[in-house]
Amino acid sequence: MAKRPTPKRRKPKSDGRRQHSVFMAWEIKRLVKLQNSPYGTPAEPKNKADKALEGITRIKA
């Protein structure tokens, strides 16, 4: 027979919240740095109009 796994302690709810708040703090810091960076602006897709035309399959008269 297989061995039983060792019983683990339950993680308190506050730990999950703390973990999430730390993640959010890092994420906000990262996004602020990205906004302030000269390379931070997202690039516009070059063939946006062509792709929009591809999406039109039929034209109603």
PDB file of N, CA and C in Angstrom:
ATOM      1  N   MET A   1       0.824  -1.193   0.000  1.00  0.00           N
ATOM      2  CA  MET A   1       0.000   0.000   0.000  1.00  0.00           C
ATOM      3  C   MET A   1       0.869   1.258   0.000  1.00  0.00           C
ATOM      4  N   ALA A   2       0.333   2.294  -0.600  1.00  0.00           N
ATOM      5  CA  ALA A   2       1.076   3.554  -0.680  1.00  0.00           C
ATOM      6  C   ALA A   2       1.055   4.274   0.666  1.00  0.00           C
ATOM      7  N   LYS A   3       2.096   5.044   0.900  1.00  0.00           N
ATOM      8  CA  LYS A   3       2.161   5.823   2.138  1.00  0.00           C
ATOM      9  C   LYS A   3       1.184   6.990   2.071  1.00  0.00           C
ATOM     10  N   ARG A   4       0.636   7.356   3.219  1.00  0.00           N
ATOM     11  CA  ARG A   4      -0.247   8.519   3.273  1.00  0.00           C
ATOM     12  C   ARG A   4       0.610   9.784   3.259  1.00  0.00           C
ATOM     13  N   PRO A   5       0.145  10.828   2.596  1.00  0.00           N
ATOM     14  CA  PRO A   5       0.921  12.070   2.613  1.00  0.00           C
ATOM     15  C   PRO A   5       0.903  12.691   4.007  1.00  0.00           C
ATOM     16  N   THR A   6       1.966  13.394   4.339  1.00  0.00           N
ATOM     17  CA  THR A   6       2.023  14.019   5.661  1.00  0.00           C
ATOM     18  C   THR A   6       0.992  15.141   5.713  1.00  0.00           C
ATOM     19  N   PRO A   7       0.263  15.242   6.809  1.00  0.00           N
ATOM     20  CA  PRO A   7      -0.753  16.295   6.890  1.00  0.00           C
ATOM     21  C   PRO A   7      -0.115  17.678   6.917  1.00  0.00           C
ATOM     22  N   LYS A   8      -0.643  18.563   6.106  1.00  0.00           N
ATOM     23  CA  LYS A   8      -0.114  19.925   6.019  1.00  0.00           C
ATOM     24  C   LYS A   8      -1.019  20.864   6.811  1.00  0.00           C
ATOM     25  N   ARG A   9      -0.439  21.945   7.294  1.00  0.00           N
ATOM     26  CA  ARG A   9      -1.237  22.954   7.988  1.00  0.00           C
ATOM     27  C   ARG A   9      -2.040  23.742   6.967  1.00  0.00           C
ATOM     28  N   ARG A  10      -3.212  24.149   7.362  1.00  0.00           N
ATOM     29  CA  ARG A  10      -4.038  24.975   6.474  1.00  0.00           C
ATOM     30  C   ARG A  10      -3.452  26.374   6.387  1.00  0.00           C
ATOM     31  N   LYS A  11      -3.452  26.901   5.191  1.00  0.00           N
ATOM     32  CA  LYS A  11      -2.936  28.255   4.980  1.00  0.00           C
ATOM     33  C   LYS A  11      -4.014  29.245   5.411  1.00  0.00           C
ATOM     34  N   PRO A  12      -3.713  30.165   6.308  1.00  0.00           N
ATOM     35  CA  PRO A  12      -4.745  31.119   6.730  1.00  0.00           C
ATOM     36  C   PRO A  12      -5.153  32.048   5.588  1.00  0.00           C
ATOM     37  N   LYS A  13      -6.385  32.527   5.658  1.00  0.00           N
ATOM     38  CA  LYS A  13      -6.925  33.386   4.604  1.00  0.00           C
ATOM     39  C   LYS A  13      -6.083  34.647   4.431  1.00  0.00           C
ATOM     40  N   SER A  14      -5.556  35.141   5.541  1.00  0.00           N
ATOM     41  CA  SER A  14      -4.784  36.390   5.488  1.00  0.00           C
ATOM     42  C   SER A  14      -3.525  36.227   4.637  1.00  0.00           C
ATOM     43  N   ASP A  15      -2.972  35.005   4.599  1.00  0.00           N
ATOM     44  CA  ASP A  15      -1.772  34.767   3.783  1.00  0.00           C
ATOM     45  C   ASP A  15      -2.066  34.971   2.302  1.00  0.00           C
ATOM     46  N   GLY A  16      -3.208  34.453   1.861  1.00  0.00           N
ATOM     47  CA  GLY A  16      -3.586  34.618   0.455  1.00  0.00           C
ATOM     48  C   GLY A  16      -3.808  36.075   0.113  1.00  0.00           C
ATOM     49  N   ARG A  17      -4.442  36.800   1.034  1.00  0.00           N
ATOM     50  CA  ARG A  17      -4.689  38.231   0.810  1.00  0.00           C
ATOM     51  C   ARG A  17      -3.376  38.991   0.762  1.00  0.00           C
ATOM     52  N   ARG A  18      -2.471  38.633   1.677  1.00  0.00           N
ATOM     53  CA  ARG A  18      -1.172  39.307   1.722  1.00  0.00           C
ATOM     54  C   ARG A  18      -0.416  39.033   0.424  1.00  0.00           C
ATOM     55  N   GLN A  19      -0.457  37.791  -0.014  1.00  0.00           N
ATOM     56  CA  GLN A  19       0.237  37.415  -1.246  1.00  0.00           C
ATOM     57  C   GLN A  19      -0.318  38.231  -2.415  1.00  0.00           C
ATOM     58  N   HIS A  20      -1.643  38.383  -2.457  1.00  0.00           N
ATOM     59  CA  HIS A  20      -2.265  39.123  -3.549  1.00  0.00           C
ATOM     60  C   HIS A  20      -1.906  40.608  -3.476  1.00  0.00           C
ATOM     61  N   SER A  21      -1.885  41.154  -2.254  1.00  0.00           N
ATOM     62  CA  SER A  21      -1.575  42.582  -2.124  1.00  0.00           C
ATOM     63  C   SER A  21      -0.129  42.865  -2.513  1.00  0.00           C
ATOM     64  N   VAL A  22       0.768  41.936  -2.201  1.00  0.00           N
ATOM     65  CA  VAL A  22       2.171  42.092  -2.613  1.00  0.00           C
ATOM     66  C   VAL A  22       2.265  42.036  -4.132  1.00  0.00           C
ATOM     67  N   PHE A  23       1.532  41.098  -4.738  1.00  0.00           N
ATOM     68  CA  PHE A  23       1.521  40.991  -6.195  1.00  0.00           C
ATOM     69  C   PHE A  23       1.000  42.285  -6.818  1.00  0.00           C
ATOM     70  N   MET A  24      -0.095  42.824  -6.254  1.00  0.00           N
ATOM     71  CA  MET A  24      -0.679  44.049  -6.800  1.00  0.00           C
ATOM     72  C   MET A  24       0.281  45.230  -6.657  1.00  0.00           C
ATOM     73  N   ALA A  25       0.996  45.282  -5.545  1.00  0.00           N
ATOM     74  CA  ALA A  25       1.964  46.372  -5.347  1.00  0.00           C
ATOM     75  C   ALA A  25       3.053  46.310  -6.413  1.00  0.00           C
ATOM     76  N   TRP A  26       3.569  45.096  -6.673  1.00  0.00           N
ATOM     77  CA  TRP A  26       4.598  44.923  -7.708  1.00  0.00           C
ATOM     78  C   TRP A  26       4.045  45.292  -9.079  1.00  0.00           C
ATOM     79  N   GLU A  27       2.802  44.865  -9.341  1.00  0.00           N
ATOM     80  CA  GLU A  27       2.191  45.104 -10.647  1.00  0.00           C
ATOM     81  C   GLU A  27       1.983  46.601 -10.871  1.00  0.00           C
ATOM     82  N   ILE A  28       1.519  47.317  -9.856  1.00  0.00           N
ATOM     83  CA  ILE A  28       1.311  48.766  -9.975  1.00  0.00           C
ATOM     84  C   ILE A  28       2.644  49.463 -10.211  1.00  0.00           C
ATOM     85  N   LYS A  29       3.667  49.032  -9.463  1.00  0.00           N
ATOM     86  CA  LYS A  29       5.000  49.621  -9.629  1.00  0.00           C
ATOM     87  C   LYS A  29       5.513  49.382 -11.052  1.00  0.00           C
ATOM     88  N   ARG A  30       5.304  48.164 -11.561  1.00  0.00           N
ATOM     89  CA  ARG A  30       5.762  47.814 -12.906  1.00  0.00           C
ATOM     90  C   ARG A  30       5.039  48.664 -13.953  1.00  0.00           C
ATOM     91  N   LEU A  31       3.724  48.815 -13.807  1.00  0.00           N
ATOM     92  CA  LEU A  31       2.955  49.569 -14.788  1.00  0.00           C
ATOM     93  C   LEU A  31       3.296  51.057 -14.756  1.00  0.00           C
ATOM     94  N   VAL A  32       3.554  51.595 -13.566  1.00  0.00           N
ATOM     95  CA  VAL A  32       3.940  53.008 -13.453  1.00  0.00           C
ATOM     96  C   VAL A  32       5.284  53.228 -14.131  1.00  0.00           C
ATOM     97  N   LYS A  33       6.219  52.308 -13.907  1.00  0.00           N
ATOM     98  CA  LYS A  33       7.531  52.411 -14.567  1.00  0.00           C
ATOM     99  C   LYS A  33       7.372  52.348 -16.079  1.00  0.00           C
ATOM    100  N   LEU A  34       6.492  51.464 -16.537  1.00  0.00           N
ATOM    101  CA  LEU A  34       6.270  51.305 -17.974  1.00  0.00           C
ATOM    102  C   LEU A  34       5.657  52.569 -18.563  1.00  0.00           C
ATOM    103  N   GLN A  35       4.735  53.194 -17.832  1.00  0.00           N
ATOM    104  CA  GLN A  35       4.116  54.437 -18.301  1.00  0.00           C
ATOM    105  C   GLN A  35       5.145  55.551 -18.419  1.00  0.00           C
ATOM    106  N   ASN A  36       6.069  55.617 -17.469  1.00  0.00           N
ATOM    107  CA  ASN A  36       7.056  56.692 -17.455  1.00  0.00           C
ATOM    108  C   ASN A  36       8.203  56.447 -18.429  1.00  0.00           C
ATOM    109  N   SER A  37       8.296  55.239 -18.940  1.00  0.00           N
ATOM    110  CA  SER A  37       9.378  54.898 -19.850  1.00  0.00           C
ATOM    111  C   SER A  37       9.104  55.484 -21.237  1.00  0.00           C
ATOM    112  N   PRO A  38      10.148  55.918 -21.945  1.00  0.00           N
ATOM    113  CA  PRO A  38       9.928  56.419 -23.312  1.00  0.00           C
ATOM    114  C   PRO A  38       9.504  55.309 -24.268  1.00  0.00           C
ATOM    115  N   TYR A  39       9.757  54.060 -23.897  1.00  0.00           N
ATOM    116  CA  TYR A  39       9.385  52.926 -24.743  1.00  0.00           C
ATOM    117  C   TYR A  39       8.071  52.306 -24.277  1.00  0.00           C
ATOM    118  N   GLY A  40       7.395  52.949 -23.348  1.00  0.00           N
ATOM    119  CA  GLY A  40       6.237  52.347 -22.700  1.00  0.00           C
ATOM    120  C   GLY A  40       4.954  52.372 -23.499  1.00  0.00           C
ATOM    121  N   THR A  41       4.858  53.244 -24.507  1.00  0.00           N
ATOM    122  CA  THR A  41       3.591  53.342 -25.229  1.00  0.00           C
ATOM    123  C   THR A  41       3.400  52.123 -26.118  1.00  0.00           C
ATOM    124  N   PRO A  42       2.211  51.548 -26.130  1.00  0.00           N
ATOM    125  CA  PRO A  42       1.974  50.383 -26.981  1.00  0.00           C
ATOM    126  C   PRO A  42       1.972  50.784 -28.453  1.00  0.00           C
ATOM    127  N   ALA A  43       2.518  49.943 -29.292  1.00  0.00           N
ATOM    128  CA  ALA A  43       2.612  50.231 -30.722  1.00  0.00           C
ATOM    129  C   ALA A  43       1.271  49.978 -31.398  1.00  0.00           C
ATOM    130  N   GLU A  44       0.930  50.835 -32.335  1.00  0.00           N
ATOM    131  CA  GLU A  44      -0.288  50.650 -33.123  1.00  0.00           C
ATOM    132  C   GLU A  44      -0.038  49.546 -34.145  1.00  0.00           C
ATOM    133  N   PRO A  45      -0.989  48.650 -34.349  1.00  0.00           N
ATOM    134  CA  PRO A  45      -0.804  47.632 -35.387  1.00  0.00           C
ATOM    135  C   PRO A  45      -0.720  48.290 -36.764  1.00  0.00           C
ATOM    136  N   LYS A  46       0.209  47.845 -37.582  1.00  0.00           N
ATOM    137  CA  LYS A  46       0.460  48.503 -38.866  1.00  0.00           C
ATOM    138  C   LYS A  46      -0.637  48.211 -39.889  1.00  0.00           C
ATOM    139  N   ASN A  47      -1.182  46.998 -39.868  1.00  0.00           N
ATOM    140  CA  ASN A  47      -2.173  46.634 -40.889  1.00  0.00           C
ATOM    141  C   ASN A  47      -3.567  46.528 -40.275  1.00  0.00           C
ATOM    142  N   LYS A  48      -3.908  47.513 -39.453  1.00  0.00           N
ATOM    143  CA  LYS A  48      -5.191  47.492 -38.743  1.00  0.00           C
ATOM    144  C   LYS A  48      -6.361  47.578 -39.734  1.00  0.00           C
ATOM    145  N   ALA A  49      -6.259  48.464 -40.721  1.00  0.00           N
ATOM    146  CA  ALA A  49      -7.343  48.656 -41.685  1.00  0.00           C
ATOM    147  C   ALA A  49      -7.524  47.419 -42.561  1.00  0.00           C
ATOM    148  N   ASP A  50      -6.420  46.811 -42.969  1.00  0.00           N
ATOM    149  CA  ASP A  50      -6.500  45.610 -43.806  1.00  0.00           C
ATOM    150  C   ASP A  50      -7.196  44.477 -43.061  1.00  0.00           C
ATOM    151  N   LYS A  51      -6.866  44.323 -41.792  1.00  0.00           N
ATOM    152  CA  LYS A  51      -7.478  43.257 -40.999  1.00  0.00           C
ATOM    153  C   LYS A  51      -8.965  43.519 -40.796  1.00  0.00           C
ATOM    154  N   ALA A  52      -9.346  44.798 -40.666  1.00  0.00           N
ATOM    155  CA  ALA A  52     -10.758  45.141 -40.508  1.00  0.00           C
ATOM    156  C   ALA A  52     -11.528  44.770 -41.770  1.00  0.00           C
ATOM    157  N   LEU A  53     -10.896  44.993 -42.929  1.00  0.00           N
ATOM    158  CA  LEU A  53     -11.543  44.635 -44.192  1.00  0.00           C
ATOM    159  C   LEU A  53     -11.678  43.123 -44.329  1.00  0.00           C
ATOM    160  N   GLU A  54     -10.690  42.380 -43.837  1.00  0.00           N
ATOM    161  CA  GLU A  54     -10.755  40.918 -43.894  1.00  0.00           C
ATOM    162  C   GLU A  54     -11.922  40.395 -43.062  1.00  0.00           C
ATOM    163  N   GLY A  55     -12.227  41.110 -41.978  1.00  0.00           N
ATOM    164  CA  GLY A  55     -13.312  40.680 -41.099  1.00  0.00           C
ATOM    165  C   GLY A  55     -14.682  40.805 -41.746  1.00  0.00           C
ATOM    166  N   ILE A  56     -14.813  41.693 -42.744  1.00  0.00           N
ATOM    167  CA  ILE A  56     -16.097  41.874 -43.425  1.00  0.00           C
ATOM    168  C   ILE A  56     -16.225  40.773 -44.467  1.00  0.00           C
ATOM    169  N   THR A  57     -17.227  39.918 -44.301  1.00  0.00           N
ATOM    170  CA  THR A  57     -17.371  38.793 -45.233  1.00  0.00           C
ATOM    171  C   THR A  57     -18.423  39.076 -46.297  1.00  0.00           C
ATOM    172  N   ARG A  58     -19.463  39.854 -45.934  1.00  0.00           N
ATOM    173  CA  ARG A  58     -20.468  40.184 -46.951  1.00  0.00           C
ATOM    174  C   ARG A  58     -20.979  41.600 -46.713  1.00  0.00           C
ATOM    175  N   ILE A  59     -21.333  42.246 -47.787  1.00  0.00           N
ATOM    176  CA  ILE A  59     -21.813  43.622 -47.714  1.00  0.00           C
ATOM    177  C   ILE A  59     -23.284  43.629 -48.116  1.00  0.00           C
ATOM    178  N   LYS A  60     -24.123  44.166 -47.233  1.00  0.00           N
ATOM    179  CA  LYS A  60     -25.553  44.251 -47.553  1.00  0.00           C
ATOM    180  C   LYS A  60     -25.795  45.486 -48.415  1.00  0.00           C
ATOM    181  N   ALA A  61     -26.588  45.316 -49.477  1.00  0.00           N
ATOM    182  CA  ALA A  61     -26.885  46.434 -50.373  1.00  0.00           C
ATOM    183  C   ALA A  61     -28.094  47.203 -49.880  1.00  0.00           C
TER     184      ALA A  61
END
